C-alpha atoms as a PDB file:
ATOM      1  CA  MET A   1      69.647  12.895  19.891  1.00  0.00           C
ATOM      2  CA  THR A   2      71.542  11.101  17.141  1.00  0.00           C
ATOM      3  CA  THR A   3      72.211  12.393  13.711  1.00  0.00           C
ATOM      4  CA  PRO A   4      73.301  10.883  10.387  1.00  0.00           C
ATOM      5  CA  ARG A   5      76.753  12.083  11.205  1.00  0.00           C
ATOM      6  CA  THR A   6      76.753  10.056  14.476  1.00  0.00           C
ATOM      7  CA  TRP A   7      75.286   7.198  12.627  1.00  0.00           C
ATOM      8  CA  LEU A   8      78.141   7.219  10.115  1.00  0.00           C
ATOM      9  CA  ALA A   9      80.615   7.521  12.975  1.00  0.00           C
ATOM     10  CA  ALA A  10      79.129   4.507  14.671  1.00  0.00           C
ATOM     11  CA  ALA A  11      79.352   2.484  11.513  1.00  0.00           C
ATOM     12  CA  GLU A  12      82.967   3.460  10.953  1.00  0.00           C
ATOM     13  CA  ALA A  13      83.800   2.550  14.524  1.00  0.00           C
ATOM     14  CA  GLY A  14      82.312  -0.943  14.077  1.00  0.00           C
ATOM     15  CA  GLU A  15      79.420  -0.232  16.599  1.00  0.00           C
ATOM     16  CA  THR A  16      77.229  -2.711  14.808  1.00  0.00           C
ATOM     17  CA  ALA A  17      74.119  -2.400  17.008  1.00  0.00           C
ATOM     18  CA  GLU A  18      74.160   1.394  16.630  1.00  0.00           C
ATOM     19  CA  ALA A  19      74.776   1.158  12.955  1.00  0.00           C
ATOM     20  CA  LEU A  20      71.829  -1.182  12.543  1.00  0.00           C
ATOM     21  CA  ARG A  21      69.553   1.072  14.493  1.00  0.00           C
ATOM     22  CA  ALA A  22      70.728   3.955  12.306  1.00  0.00           C
ATOM     23  CA  ILE A  23      69.681   2.005   9.195  1.00  0.00           C
ATOM     24  CA  ALA A  24      66.284   1.362  10.724  1.00  0.00           C
ATOM     25  CA  ASN A  25      65.824   5.029  11.488  1.00  0.00           C
ATOM     26  CA  LEU A  26      66.773   6.117   8.067  1.00  0.00           C
ATOM     27  CA  ARG A  27      64.377   3.647   6.434  1.00  0.00           C
ATOM     28  CA  LYS A  28      61.664   5.243   8.601  1.00  0.00           C
ATOM     29  CA  LEU A  29      62.578   8.653   7.544  1.00  0.00           C
ATOM     30  CA  ILE A  30      62.831   7.745   3.951  1.00  0.00           C
ATOM     31  CA  ASN A  31      59.467   6.078   4.014  1.00  0.00           C
ATOM     32  CA  GLU A  32      57.949   9.059   5.692  1.00  0.00           C
ATOM     33  CA  LEU A  33      59.390  11.516   3.119  1.00  0.00           C
ATOM     34  CA  GLU A  34      58.293   9.281   0.211  1.00  0.00           C
ATOM     35  CA  VAL A  35      54.721   9.411   1.618  1.00  0.00           C
ATOM     36  CA  ILE A  36      54.787  13.256   1.877  1.00  0.00           C
ATOM     37  CA  HIS A  37      56.251  13.838  -1.513  1.00  0.00           C
ATOM     38  CA  VAL A  38      54.150  11.306  -3.504  1.00  0.00           C
ATOM     39  CA  ARG A  39      51.112  12.976  -1.749  1.00  0.00           C
ATOM     40  CA  ASN A  40      52.383  16.491  -2.832  1.00  0.00           C
ATOM     41  CA  ALA A  41      52.985  15.130  -6.360  1.00  0.00           C
ATOM     42  CA  ARG A  42      49.477  13.769  -6.713  1.00  0.00           C
ATOM     43  CA  SER A  43      48.014  16.897  -5.401  1.00  0.00           C
ATOM     44  CA  GLN A  44      49.892  18.856  -8.074  1.00  0.00           C
ATOM     45  CA  GLY A  45      48.421  16.670 -10.820  1.00  0.00           C
ATOM     46  CA  TRP A  46      51.291  14.256 -11.350  1.00  0.00           C
ATOM     47  CA  SER A  47      50.266  10.784 -12.713  1.00  0.00           C
ATOM     48  CA  TRP A  48      51.307   7.449 -10.930  1.00  0.00           C
ATOM     49  CA  GLY A  49      53.496   6.827 -14.049  1.00  0.00           C
ATOM     50  CA  GLU A  50      55.391  10.240 -13.596  1.00  0.00           C
ATOM     51  CA  ILE A  51      55.896   9.578  -9.929  1.00  0.00           C
ATOM     52  CA  ALA A  52      57.013   5.987 -10.547  1.00  0.00           C
ATOM     53  CA  GLU A  53      59.584   7.195 -13.115  1.00  0.00           C
ATOM     54  CA  GLU A  54      61.145   9.626 -10.762  1.00  0.00           C
ATOM     55  CA  LEU A  55      61.408   7.009  -7.965  1.00  0.00           C
ATOM     56  CA  GLY A  56      62.709   4.440 -10.264  1.00  0.00           C
ATOM     57  CA  VAL A  57      59.929   1.824  -9.617  1.00  0.00           C
ATOM     58  CA  SER A  58      56.958   0.604 -11.772  1.00  0.00           C
ATOM     59  CA  LYS A  59      53.686   2.527 -11.858  1.00  0.00           C
ATOM     60  CA  GLN A  60      51.953  -0.464 -10.287  1.00  0.00           C
ATOM     61  CA  ALA A  61      54.346  -0.455  -7.408  1.00  0.00           C
ATOM     62  CA  VAL A  62      53.993   3.129  -6.518  1.00  0.00           C
ATOM     63  CA  HIS A  63      50.234   3.056  -6.882  1.00  0.00           C
ATOM     64  CA  ARG A  64      49.884  -0.118  -4.647  1.00  0.00           C
ATOM     65  CA  LYS A  65      52.178   1.544  -2.040  1.00  0.00           C
ATOM     66  CA  HIS A  66      50.642   4.957  -2.049  1.00  0.00           C
ATOM     67  CA  ALA A  67      46.989   4.860  -3.310  1.00  0.00           C
ATOM     68  CA  LYS A  68      45.951   4.189   0.389  1.00  0.00           C
ATOM     69  CA  HIS A  69      47.460   7.450   1.444  1.00  0.00           C
ATOM     70  CA  ARG A  70      45.679   9.673  -1.022  1.00  0.00           C
ATOM     71  CA  ASN A  71      43.063  11.062   1.320  1.00  0.00           C
ATOM     72  CA  ALA A  72      45.214  10.693   4.545  1.00  0.00           C
END
């Protein structure tokens, strides 16, 4: 199993393919975490605007991306 530390070591060693796979894995993890935490924030009564402010995006962008996950 690879970890963020092994991904960093691969990047520093110039292992391009491994480093690119690490980036893909990190993107997937970040997206999964975002879905979970946006869902949690909405269930706690946060507005789309409040969530957007914390994520550094527009209210429209966060709503467009996450409104489909509301009841998932």
